[in-house]
Amino acid sequence: MRNETFRPDLLKGKNAFIAGGSSGINLGIAKKLGVLGAQVFLMSRSQDKIDAAIQDLREFGISAAGCAADVRDYAAVESAVQRCVEVFGPLDIVVSGAAGNFVAPAAELSSNGFKTVVDIDLNGTFHVCRAAYAHVRKPQACMLNISAVQAFMPVPGQAHVCAAKAGVEALTKVLAIEWGPQGIRVNAIAPGPVEGTEGMARLTPTAKHKARFLQAIPLRRYAELDEIADTAAFLCSPAGSNFNGEVLVCDGGQSTLGGGGFAAAWSG
């Protein structure tokens, strides 16, 4: 894990609530915020995964806690946020990153499959932001939503994700306008392919799929978890204090080529 990018006490005294924080990109963000001094509270559906993630964070010397809740259940999210405030105090940073994904052509995508992804990604993001709103420190609070390049790049086999993430980005911008006057910054990150994540394991199930995917990325590599975490740390730190309503794309240039690269990766 890289620590040289920021000074170790950059986020000292800050409290961070991270939805979807027990694995992948969100756990990477939790680690980065924690090693920079923040106290982190994780929320995810599985208490076992949360417990394992907390143990992992504490091995880095991070003050961490968490509880299980489903982002699709607003009351459960509200309760988790309240628990975080009871443990650590008012929130300075809120990260909403719970997501679902699988490959399915629209003609084969069930209504329930479409609804499930929208419920997790879009409705879940609203639930986290809305529940946290009453508890964030005003001014100077930061909310960060995790989007994806599918939000603005039509991708075959990803109608459900494209629709959900486009909604996440629109929601991010509306909240930035409405809550900005209170000193609450609301931004998003749109990662492309990220090494070591469950999402990419599903999208590139074979070595051939991954090789084709890499050809659709100008840098010819996936992002590392630390690179997404560094982007999050920047937006949540004083260095990003004038960013509001922004979506930072971190995809190695993939989106400049459009969705054709995805189609090539899945053909044959």
C-alpha atoms as a PDB file:
ATOM      1  CA  MET A   1       0.000   0.000   0.000  1.00  0.00           C
ATOM      2  CA  ARG A   2       1.406   3.347  -1.034  1.00  0.00           C
ATOM      3  CA  ASN A   3       1.586   6.044   1.655  1.00  0.00           C
ATOM      4  CA  GLU A   4       4.029   8.491   0.095  1.00  0.00           C
ATOM      5  CA  THR A   5       1.445  10.542  -1.801  1.00  0.00           C
ATOM      6  CA  PHE A   6       0.020  12.416   1.214  1.00  0.00           C
ATOM      7  CA  ARG A   7       1.285  13.389   4.649  1.00  0.00           C
ATOM      8  CA  PRO A   8       0.224  10.869   7.339  1.00  0.00           C
ATOM      9  CA  ASP A   9      -1.872  13.307   9.392  1.00  0.00           C
ATOM     10  CA  LEU A  10      -3.772  14.822   6.451  1.00  0.00           C
ATOM     11  CA  LEU A  11      -7.184  13.602   7.684  1.00  0.00           C
ATOM     12  CA  LYS A  12      -6.472  13.440  11.416  1.00  0.00           C
ATOM     13  CA  GLY A  13      -9.632  14.132  13.414  1.00  0.00           C
ATOM     14  CA  LYS A  14     -11.940  13.303  10.501  1.00  0.00           C
ATOM     15  CA  ASN A  15     -14.712  10.707  10.660  1.00  0.00           C
ATOM     16  CA  ALA A  16     -15.563   8.707   7.546  1.00  0.00           C
ATOM     17  CA  PHE A  17     -18.627   6.563   6.822  1.00  0.00           C
ATOM     18  CA  ILE A  18     -18.098   4.133   3.932  1.00  0.00           C
ATOM     19  CA  ALA A  19     -20.964   2.151   2.409  1.00  0.00           C
ATOM     20  CA  GLY A  20     -19.829  -1.000   0.642  1.00  0.00           C
ATOM     21  CA  GLY A  21     -16.581  -0.721   2.558  1.00  0.00           C
ATOM     22  CA  SER A  22     -15.864  -4.374   3.271  1.00  0.00           C
ATOM     23  CA  SER A  23     -14.121  -5.161  -0.030  1.00  0.00           C
ATOM     24  CA  GLY A  24     -12.673  -3.923  -3.307  1.00  0.00           C
ATOM     25  CA  ILE A  25     -12.507  -0.250  -4.181  1.00  0.00           C
ATOM     26  CA  ASN A  26     -14.353   0.842  -1.061  1.00  0.00           C
ATOM     27  CA  LEU A  27     -12.110  -1.069   1.334  1.00  0.00           C
ATOM     28  CA  GLY A  28      -9.135   0.413  -0.505  1.00  0.00           C
ATOM     29  CA  ILE A  29     -10.567   3.877   0.087  1.00  0.00           C
ATOM     30  CA  ALA A  30     -11.191   3.040   3.746  1.00  0.00           C
ATOM     31  CA  LYS A  31      -7.541   2.018   4.154  1.00  0.00           C
ATOM     32  CA  LYS A  32      -6.269   5.137   2.461  1.00  0.00           C
ATOM     33  CA  LEU A  33      -8.447   7.481   4.516  1.00  0.00           C
ATOM     34  CA  GLY A  34      -7.511   5.574   7.656  1.00  0.00           C
ATOM     35  CA  VAL A  35      -3.749   5.691   7.184  1.00  0.00           C
ATOM     36  CA  LEU A  36      -4.132   9.421   6.594  1.00  0.00           C
ATOM     37  CA  GLY A  37      -5.639   9.750  10.065  1.00  0.00           C
ATOM     38  CA  ALA A  38      -9.398   9.384   9.628  1.00  0.00           C
ATOM     39  CA  GLN A  39     -11.556   7.129  11.766  1.00  0.00           C
ATOM     40  CA  VAL A  40     -13.523   4.859   9.444  1.00  0.00           C
ATOM     41  CA  PHE A  41     -16.905   3.178   9.850  1.00  0.00           C
ATOM     42  CA  LEU A  42     -17.826   0.440   7.376  1.00  0.00           C
ATOM     43  CA  MET A  43     -21.287  -0.587   6.261  1.00  0.00           C
ATOM     44  CA  SER A  44     -21.971  -3.647   4.124  1.00  0.00           C
ATOM     45  CA  ARG A  45     -24.517  -6.467   3.975  1.00  0.00           C
ATOM     46  CA  SER A  46     -22.345  -9.133   5.612  1.00  0.00           C
ATOM     47  CA  GLN A  47     -21.261  -8.720   9.221  1.00  0.00           C
ATOM     48  CA  ASP A  48     -18.624 -11.422   8.757  1.00  0.00           C
ATOM     49  CA  LYS A  49     -17.039  -9.460   5.906  1.00  0.00           C
ATOM     50  CA  ILE A  50     -17.202  -6.272   7.939  1.00  0.00           C
ATOM     51  CA  ASP A  51     -15.506  -7.950  10.878  1.00  0.00           C
ATOM     52  CA  ALA A  52     -12.720  -9.239   8.618  1.00  0.00           C
ATOM     53  CA  ALA A  53     -12.269  -5.827   7.010  1.00  0.00           C
ATOM     54  CA  ILE A  54     -12.129  -4.102  10.410  1.00  0.00           C
ATOM     55  CA  GLN A  55      -9.434  -6.522  11.528  1.00  0.00           C
ATOM     56  CA  ASP A  56      -7.499  -5.769   8.353  1.00  0.00           C
ATOM     57  CA  LEU A  57      -7.777  -2.018   8.926  1.00  0.00           C
ATOM     58  CA  ARG A  58      -6.694  -2.282  12.551  1.00  0.00           C
ATOM     59  CA  GLU A  59      -3.529  -4.065  11.457  1.00  0.00           C
ATOM     60  CA  PHE A  60      -2.644  -0.775   9.737  1.00  0.00           C
ATOM     61  CA  GLY A  61      -3.238   1.076  13.007  1.00  0.00           C
ATOM     62  CA  ILE A  62      -6.567   2.468  11.781  1.00  0.00           C
ATOM     63  CA  SER A  63      -9.421   3.247  14.154  1.00  0.00           C
ATOM     64  CA  ALA A  64     -12.287   1.301  12.586  1.00  0.00           C
ATOM     65  CA  ALA A  65     -15.793   0.079  13.353  1.00  0.00           C
ATOM     66  CA  GLY A  66     -18.810  -1.025  11.333  1.00  0.00           C
ATOM     67  CA  CYS A  67     -22.166  -2.739  11.105  1.00  0.00           C
ATOM     68  CA  ALA A  68     -24.222  -4.702   8.602  1.00  0.00           C
ATOM     69  CA  ALA A  69     -26.964  -3.019   6.562  1.00  0.00           C
ATOM     70  CA  ASP A  70     -28.347  -3.263   3.038  1.00  0.00           C
ATOM     71  CA  VAL A  71     -28.155  -0.018   1.050  1.00  0.00           C
ATOM     72  CA  ARG A  72     -31.523  -0.868  -0.515  1.00  0.00           C
ATOM     73  CA  ASP A  73     -33.179  -0.499   2.922  1.00  0.00           C
ATOM     74  CA  TYR A  74     -33.308   3.180   3.865  1.00  0.00           C
ATOM     75  CA  ALA A  75     -34.216   2.532   7.489  1.00  0.00           C
ATOM     76  CA  ALA A  76     -31.264   0.155   7.852  1.00  0.00           C
ATOM     77  CA  VAL A  77     -28.894   2.713   6.310  1.00  0.00           C
ATOM     78  CA  GLU A  78     -30.242   5.425   8.600  1.00  0.00           C
ATOM     79  CA  SER A  79     -29.639   3.174  11.603  1.00  0.00           C
ATOM     80  CA  ALA A  80     -26.073   2.409  10.462  1.00  0.00           C
ATOM     81  CA  VAL A  81     -25.295   6.114  10.060  1.00  0.00           C
ATOM     82  CA  GLN A  82     -26.679   6.793  13.527  1.00  0.00           C
ATOM     83  CA  ARG A  83     -24.487   4.028  14.931  1.00  0.00           C
ATOM     84  CA  CYS A  84     -21.436   5.575  13.259  1.00  0.00           C
ATOM     85  CA  VAL A  85     -22.203   8.946  14.811  1.00  0.00           C
ATOM     86  CA  GLU A  86     -22.595   7.325  18.226  1.00  0.00           C
ATOM     87  CA  VAL A  87     -19.179   5.665  17.880  1.00  0.00           C
ATOM     88  CA  PHE A  88     -17.131   8.445  16.273  1.00  0.00           C
ATOM     89  CA  GLY A  89     -19.191  11.656  16.202  1.00  0.00           C
ATOM     90  CA  PRO A  90     -20.355  13.900  13.322  1.00  0.00           C
ATOM     91  CA  LEU A  91     -19.361  12.838   9.816  1.00  0.00           C
ATOM     92  CA  ASP A  92     -16.728  14.638   7.779  1.00  0.00           C
ATOM     93  CA  ILE A  93     -16.540  12.163   4.881  1.00  0.00           C
ATOM     94  CA  VAL A  94     -19.257   9.966   3.392  1.00  0.00           C
ATOM     95  CA  VAL A  95     -18.434   7.441   0.667  1.00  0.00           C
ATOM     96  CA  SER A  96     -21.206   5.597  -1.161  1.00  0.00           C
ATOM     97  CA  GLY A  97     -19.777   2.742  -3.180  1.00  0.00           C
ATOM     98  CA  ALA A  98     -22.040  -0.313  -2.933  1.00  0.00           C
ATOM     99  CA  ALA A  99     -22.557  -1.735  -6.423  1.00  0.00           C
ATOM    100  CA  GLY A 100     -23.758  -4.733  -8.375  1.00  0.00           C
ATOM    101  CA  ASN A 101     -22.712  -5.883 -11.835  1.00  0.00           C
ATOM    102  CA  PHE A 102     -22.898  -8.771 -14.264  1.00  0.00           C
ATOM    103  CA  VAL A 103     -22.840  -9.117 -18.048  1.00  0.00           C
ATOM    104  CA  ALA A 104     -26.266  -9.482 -19.661  1.00  0.00           C
ATOM    105  CA  PRO A 105     -27.465  -8.370 -23.113  1.00  0.00           C
ATOM    106  CA  ALA A 106     -30.645  -6.308 -22.718  1.00  0.00           C
ATOM    107  CA  ALA A 107     -32.756  -8.918 -24.523  1.00  0.00           C
ATOM    108  CA  GLU A 108     -31.690 -11.483 -21.923  1.00  0.00           C
ATOM    109  CA  LEU A 109     -31.743  -9.185 -18.886  1.00  0.00           C
ATOM    110  CA  SER A 110     -34.620  -9.863 -16.504  1.00  0.00           C
ATOM    111  CA  SER A 111     -36.676  -7.074 -15.002  1.00  0.00           C
ATOM    112  CA  ASN A 112     -35.539  -8.210 -11.574  1.00  0.00           C
ATOM    113  CA  GLY A 113     -31.872  -8.132 -12.625  1.00  0.00           C
ATOM    114  CA  PHE A 114     -32.235  -4.575 -13.936  1.00  0.00           C
ATOM    115  CA  LYS A 115     -34.114  -3.485 -10.819  1.00  0.00           C
ATOM    116  CA  THR A 116     -31.576  -5.076  -8.466  1.00  0.00           C
ATOM    117  CA  VAL A 117     -28.646  -3.120  -9.902  1.00  0.00           C
ATOM    118  CA  VAL A 118     -30.603   0.146  -9.928  1.00  0.00           C
ATOM    119  CA  ASP A 119     -31.702  -0.497  -6.336  1.00  0.00           C
ATOM    120  CA  ILE A 120     -28.135  -1.093  -5.152  1.00  0.00           C
ATOM    121  CA  ASP A 121     -26.257   1.500  -7.191  1.00  0.00           C
ATOM    122  CA  LEU A 122     -28.687   4.391  -7.600  1.00  0.00           C
ATOM    123  CA  ASN A 123     -31.240   4.023  -4.825  1.00  0.00           C
ATOM    124  CA  GLY A 124     -28.489   2.908  -2.470  1.00  0.00           C
ATOM    125  CA  THR A 125     -26.452   6.017  -3.225  1.00  0.00           C
ATOM    126  CA  PHE A 126     -29.430   8.248  -2.517  1.00  0.00           C
ATOM    127  CA  HIS A 127     -30.140   6.377   0.720  1.00  0.00           C
ATOM    128  CA  VAL A 128     -26.574   6.832   1.965  1.00  0.00           C
ATOM    129  CA  CYS A 129     -26.370  10.518   1.058  1.00  0.00           C
ATOM    130  CA  ARG A 130     -29.839  11.301   2.392  1.00  0.00           C
ATOM    131  CA  ALA A 131     -29.336   9.415   5.669  1.00  0.00           C
ATOM    132  CA  ALA A 132     -25.929  11.017   6.223  1.00  0.00           C
ATOM    133  CA  TYR A 133     -27.096  14.549   5.436  1.00  0.00           C
ATOM    134  CA  ALA A 134     -28.391  15.268   8.951  1.00  0.00           C
ATOM    135  CA  HIS A 135     -25.144  14.091  10.536  1.00  0.00           C
ATOM    136  CA  VAL A 136     -22.408  15.645   8.379  1.00  0.00           C
ATOM    137  CA  ARG A 137     -20.326  18.472   9.737  1.00  0.00           C
ATOM    138  CA  LYS A 138     -21.390  21.693   8.046  1.00  0.00           C
ATOM    139  CA  PRO A 139     -19.461  23.318   6.489  1.00  0.00           C
ATOM    140  CA  GLN A 140     -16.487  21.323   5.168  1.00  0.00           C
ATOM    141  CA  ALA A 141     -18.166  17.913   4.831  1.00  0.00           C
ATOM    142  CA  CYS A 142     -17.424  15.823   1.758  1.00  0.00           C
ATOM    143  CA  MET A 143     -19.605  13.193   0.102  1.00  0.00           C
ATOM    144  CA  LEU A 144     -18.091  10.923  -2.519  1.00  0.00           C
ATOM    145  CA  ASN A 145     -20.077   8.593  -4.771  1.00  0.00           C
ATOM    146  CA  ILE A 146     -18.502   5.789  -6.777  1.00  0.00           C
ATOM    147  CA  SER A 147     -19.696   5.795 -10.370  1.00  0.00           C
ATOM    148  CA  ALA A 148     -18.197   4.026 -13.404  1.00  0.00           C
ATOM    149  CA  VAL A 149     -17.336   4.855 -17.006  1.00  0.00           C
ATOM    150  CA  GLN A 150     -20.572   3.087 -17.994  1.00  0.00           C
ATOM    151  CA  ALA A 151     -22.400   6.207 -16.745  1.00  0.00           C
ATOM    152  CA  PHE A 152     -21.465   8.134 -19.887  1.00  0.00           C
ATOM    153  CA  MET A 153     -20.179   5.431 -22.232  1.00  0.00           C
ATOM    154  CA  PRO A 154     -22.819   3.081 -23.701  1.00  0.00           C
ATOM    155  CA  VAL A 155     -21.557  -0.452 -23.154  1.00  0.00           C
ATOM    156  CA  PRO A 156     -23.141  -3.612 -24.585  1.00  0.00           C
ATOM    157  CA  GLY A 157     -24.230  -6.056 -21.930  1.00  0.00           C
ATOM    158  CA  GLN A 158     -24.389  -3.289 -19.321  1.00  0.00           C
ATOM    159  CA  ALA A 159     -27.766  -1.577 -19.819  1.00  0.00           C
ATOM    160  CA  HIS A 160     -28.548  -1.966 -16.116  1.00  0.00           C
ATOM    161  CA  VAL A 161     -25.198  -0.557 -14.970  1.00  0.00           C
ATOM    162  CA  CYS A 162     -25.202   2.275 -17.517  1.00  0.00           C
ATOM    163  CA  ALA A 163     -28.648   3.390 -16.382  1.00  0.00           C
ATOM    164  CA  ALA A 164     -27.835   3.115 -12.672  1.00  0.00           C
ATOM    165  CA  LYS A 165     -24.479   4.903 -12.832  1.00  0.00           C
ATOM    166  CA  ALA A 166     -25.833   7.664 -15.086  1.00  0.00           C
ATOM    167  CA  GLY A 167     -28.370   8.247 -12.334  1.00  0.00           C
ATOM    168  CA  VAL A 168     -25.621   8.297  -9.709  1.00  0.00           C
ATOM    169  CA  GLU A 169     -23.773  11.027 -11.592  1.00  0.00           C
ATOM    170  CA  ALA A 170     -26.920  13.115 -12.121  1.00  0.00           C
ATOM    171  CA  LEU A 171     -27.779  12.740  -8.439  1.00  0.00           C
ATOM    172  CA  THR A 172     -24.242  13.770  -7.486  1.00  0.00           C
ATOM    173  CA  LYS A 173     -24.547  17.010  -9.443  1.00  0.00           C
ATOM    174  CA  VAL A 174     -27.997  17.871  -8.057  1.00  0.00           C
ATOM    175  CA  LEU A 175     -26.856  17.308  -4.475  1.00  0.00           C
ATOM    176  CA  ALA A 176     -23.760  19.415  -5.131  1.00  0.00           C
ATOM    177  CA  ILE A 177     -26.014  22.304  -6.174  1.00  0.00           C
ATOM    178  CA  GLU A 178     -28.520  21.900  -3.344  1.00  0.00           C
ATOM    179  CA  TRP A 179     -26.088  21.206  -0.516  1.00  0.00           C
ATOM    180  CA  GLY A 180     -23.107  23.253  -1.661  1.00  0.00           C
ATOM    181  CA  PRO A 181     -24.358  26.462  -0.015  1.00  0.00           C
ATOM    182  CA  GLN A 182     -24.204  24.607   3.321  1.00  0.00           C
ATOM    183  CA  GLY A 183     -20.569  23.732   2.740  1.00  0.00           C
ATOM    184  CA  ILE A 184     -21.206  20.106   1.756  1.00  0.00           C
ATOM    185  CA  ARG A 185     -19.182  19.070  -1.272  1.00  0.00           C
ATOM    186  CA  VAL A 186     -20.587  16.182  -3.344  1.00  0.00           C
ATOM    187  CA  ASN A 187     -18.372  14.585  -5.989  1.00  0.00           C
ATOM    188  CA  ALA A 188     -17.912  11.240  -7.711  1.00  0.00           C
ATOM    189  CA  ILE A 189     -15.180   9.031  -9.094  1.00  0.00           C
ATOM    190  CA  ALA A 190     -15.741   7.029 -12.285  1.00  0.00           C
ATOM    191  CA  PRO A 191     -13.207   4.183 -12.322  1.00  0.00           C
ATOM    192  CA  GLY A 192     -12.515   2.102 -15.376  1.00  0.00           C
ATOM    193  CA  PRO A 193     -11.213  -1.457 -14.936  1.00  0.00           C
ATOM    194  CA  VAL A 194      -9.570  -1.923 -11.526  1.00  0.00           C
ATOM    195  CA  GLU A 195      -7.221  -4.798 -10.725  1.00  0.00           C
ATOM    196  CA  GLY A 196      -8.296  -7.255  -8.068  1.00  0.00           C
ATOM    197  CA  THR A 197     -11.989  -6.379  -7.898  1.00  0.00           C
ATOM    198  CA  GLU A 198     -14.991  -8.678  -8.020  1.00  0.00           C
ATOM    199  CA  GLY A 199     -16.500  -6.574 -10.783  1.00  0.00           C
ATOM    200  CA  MET A 200     -13.597  -7.165 -13.151  1.00  0.00           C
ATOM    201  CA  ALA A 201     -13.553 -10.854 -12.281  1.00  0.00           C
ATOM    202  CA  ARG A 202     -17.135 -10.997 -13.557  1.00  0.00           C
ATOM    203  CA  LEU A 203     -16.536  -8.828 -16.617  1.00  0.00           C
ATOM    204  CA  THR A 204     -13.361 -10.645 -17.699  1.00  0.00           C
ATOM    205  CA  PRO A 205     -13.812 -14.279 -16.609  1.00  0.00           C
ATOM    206  CA  THR A 206     -10.987 -15.655 -18.799  1.00  0.00           C
ATOM    207  CA  ALA A 207      -7.446 -14.662 -19.758  1.00  0.00           C
ATOM    208  CA  LYS A 208      -8.675 -14.046 -23.314  1.00  0.00           C
ATOM    209  CA  HIS A 209     -11.326 -11.619 -22.085  1.00  0.00           C
ATOM    210  CA  LYS A 210      -8.745  -9.744 -20.008  1.00  0.00           C
ATOM    211  CA  ALA A 211      -6.252  -9.548 -22.892  1.00  0.00           C
ATOM    212  CA  ARG A 212      -8.922  -8.059 -25.127  1.00  0.00           C
ATOM    213  CA  PHE A 213      -9.973  -5.656 -22.404  1.00  0.00           C
ATOM    214  CA  LEU A 214      -6.420  -4.405 -22.008  1.00  0.00           C
ATOM    215  CA  GLN A 215      -6.290  -3.597 -25.710  1.00  0.00           C
ATOM    216  CA  ALA A 216      -9.182  -1.202 -25.132  1.00  0.00           C
ATOM    217  CA  ILE A 217      -7.178   0.790 -22.562  1.00  0.00           C
ATOM    218  CA  PRO A 218      -4.566   3.208 -23.962  1.00  0.00           C
ATOM    219  CA  LEU A 219      -2.293   2.652 -20.938  1.00  0.00           C
ATOM    220  CA  ARG A 220      -2.625  -1.135 -21.481  1.00  0.00           C
ATOM    221  CA  ARG A 221      -3.193  -1.826 -17.795  1.00  0.00           C
ATOM    222  CA  TYR A 222      -5.906  -1.791 -15.164  1.00  0.00           C
ATOM    223  CA  ALA A 223      -5.931   0.803 -12.395  1.00  0.00           C
ATOM    224  CA  GLU A 224      -4.616  -0.308  -9.025  1.00  0.00           C
ATOM    225  CA  LEU A 225      -6.846  -0.050  -5.983  1.00  0.00           C
ATOM    226  CA  ASP A 226      -4.426   2.477  -4.484  1.00  0.00           C
ATOM    227  CA  GLU A 227      -4.829   4.755  -7.502  1.00  0.00           C
ATOM    228  CA  ILE A 228      -8.584   4.969  -6.985  1.00  0.00           C
ATOM    229  CA  ALA A 229      -8.028   5.414  -3.251  1.00  0.00           C
ATOM    230  CA  ASP A 230      -5.559   8.245  -3.905  1.00  0.00           C
ATOM    231  CA  THR A 231      -8.157   9.980  -6.070  1.00  0.00           C
ATOM    232  CA  ALA A 232     -10.690   9.616  -3.263  1.00  0.00           C
ATOM    233  CA  ALA A 233      -8.230  10.974  -0.700  1.00  0.00           C
ATOM    234  CA  PHE A 234      -7.560  14.000  -2.901  1.00  0.00           C
ATOM    235  CA  LEU A 235     -11.268  14.806  -3.241  1.00  0.00           C
ATOM    236  CA  CYS A 236     -11.854  14.330   0.498  1.00  0.00           C
ATOM    237  CA  SER A 237      -8.856  16.399   1.567  1.00  0.00           C
ATOM    238  CA  PRO A 238      -8.235  20.145   1.711  1.00  0.00           C
ATOM    239  CA  ALA A 239      -6.493  19.835  -1.665  1.00  0.00           C
ATOM    240  CA  GLY A 240      -9.895  19.138  -3.236  1.00  0.00           C
ATOM    241  CA  SER A 241     -11.767  21.786  -1.274  1.00  0.00           C
ATOM    242  CA  ASN A 242     -13.042  23.627  -4.370  1.00  0.00           C
ATOM    243  CA  PHE A 243     -14.250  20.516  -6.179  1.00  0.00           C
ATOM    244  CA  ASN A 244     -18.038  20.195  -6.067  1.00  0.00           C
ATOM    245  CA  GLY A 245     -20.336  18.401  -8.501  1.00  0.00           C
ATOM    246  CA  GLU A 246     -17.358  16.883 -10.309  1.00  0.00           C
ATOM    247  CA  VAL A 247     -16.870  13.375 -11.667  1.00  0.00           C
ATOM    248  CA  LEU A 248     -13.195  12.417 -11.849  1.00  0.00           C
ATOM    249  CA  VAL A 249     -12.579   9.685 -14.426  1.00  0.00           C
ATOM    250  CA  CYS A 250      -9.769   7.246 -13.587  1.00  0.00           C
ATOM    251  CA  ASP A 251      -9.677   4.749 -16.457  1.00  0.00           C
ATOM    252  CA  GLY A 252      -6.306   4.928 -18.189  1.00  0.00           C
ATOM    253  CA  GLY A 253      -7.952   6.646 -21.165  1.00  0.00           C
ATOM    254  CA  GLN A 254     -10.386   3.802 -21.872  1.00  0.00           C
ATOM    255  CA  SER A 255     -13.456   6.012 -22.217  1.00  0.00           C
ATOM    256  CA  THR A 256     -11.785   8.060 -24.961  1.00  0.00           C
ATOM    257  CA  LEU A 257     -12.192   5.004 -27.209  1.00  0.00           C
ATOM    258  CA  GLY A 258     -15.907   4.507 -26.510  1.00  0.00           C
ATOM    259  CA  GLY A 259     -17.755   1.316 -25.717  1.00  0.00           C
ATOM    260  CA  GLY A 260     -16.401  -0.688 -28.626  1.00  0.00           C
ATOM    261  CA  GLY A 261     -13.555  -2.021 -26.526  1.00  0.00           C
ATOM    262  CA  PHE A 262     -16.035  -3.680 -24.201  1.00  0.00           C
ATOM    263  CA  ALA A 263     -17.790  -5.296 -27.152  1.00  0.00           C
ATOM    264  CA  ALA A 264     -14.488  -6.615 -28.488  1.00  0.00           C
ATOM    265  CA  ALA A 265     -13.576  -8.062 -25.104  1.00  0.00           C
ATOM    266  CA  TRP A 266     -16.789 -10.071 -24.949  1.00  0.00           C
ATOM    267  CA  SER A 267     -17.031 -11.185 -28.590  1.00  0.00           C
ATOM    268  CA  GLY A 268     -16.198 -14.773 -29.411  1.00  0.00           C
END
